[in-house]
Amino acid sequence: MLFVALVAFGAQNIAPFVRKLRAADAWIARLAAVVFILVGINAILLYWFL
């Protein structure tokens, strides 16, 4: 729905918003990677020591 609303405003108005989304997407992907790595390390340590 949000994307449809952005298209309604026109392509020129969407471009800055899409750039911000791409930047946010990169940071969210990095954060998700760190979380998965930490959860994996936690699971390994719990399996080894319990």
Protein backbone atom coordinates (compact mmCIF):
# COMPACT_ATOMS: atom_id res chain seq x y z
CA MET A 1 0.00 0.00 0.00
CA LEU A 2 2.81 2.40 0.84
CA PHE A 3 4.47 1.80 -2.51
CA VAL A 4 1.19 2.43 -4.34
CA ALA A 5 0.78 5.71 -2.48
CA LEU A 6 4.31 6.73 -3.43
CA VAL A 7 3.64 5.96 -7.09
CA ALA A 8 0.60 8.20 -6.91
CA PHE A 9 2.84 11.15 -5.97
CA GLY A 10 4.93 10.72 -9.10
CA ALA A 11 8.29 9.28 -10.00
CA GLN A 12 10.23 12.46 -9.23
CA ASN A 13 9.00 12.53 -5.67
CA ILE A 14 9.75 8.84 -5.14
CA ALA A 15 13.46 8.94 -6.02
CA PRO A 16 14.73 10.47 -2.73
CA PHE A 17 12.57 8.10 -0.71
CA VAL A 18 13.90 5.06 -2.61
CA ARG A 19 17.49 6.20 -1.98
CA LYS A 20 16.77 6.41 1.74
CA LEU A 21 15.18 2.96 1.68
CA ARG A 22 18.26 1.50 -0.02
CA ALA A 23 20.53 3.00 2.63
CA ALA A 24 18.26 1.72 5.39
CA ASP A 25 18.12 -1.70 3.74
CA ALA A 26 21.90 -1.98 3.82
CA TRP A 27 22.01 -1.21 7.54
CA ILE A 28 19.12 -3.55 8.32
CA ALA A 29 20.86 -6.37 6.41
CA ARG A 30 24.07 -5.80 8.39
CA LEU A 31 22.14 -5.74 11.66
CA ALA A 32 20.33 -8.97 10.75
CA ALA A 33 23.66 -10.62 9.89
CA VAL A 34 25.15 -9.63 13.25
CA VAL A 35 22.08 -10.90 15.10
CA PHE A 36 22.18 -14.26 13.28
CA ILE A 37 25.90 -14.65 13.98
CA LEU A 38 25.44 -13.87 17.68
CA VAL A 39 22.49 -16.25 17.98
CA GLY A 40 24.52 -18.95 16.23
CA ILE A 41 27.48 -18.47 18.58
CA ASN A 42 25.13 -18.56 21.54
CA ALA A 43 23.54 -21.80 20.33
CA ILE A 44 26.93 -23.40 19.74
CA LEU A 45 28.24 -22.43 23.17
CA LEU A 46 25.08 -23.66 24.90
CA TYR A 47 25.29 -26.97 23.02
CA TRP A 48 28.96 -27.47 23.90
CA PHE A 49 28.79 -26.50 27.56
CA LEU A 50 25.39 -27.84 28.59
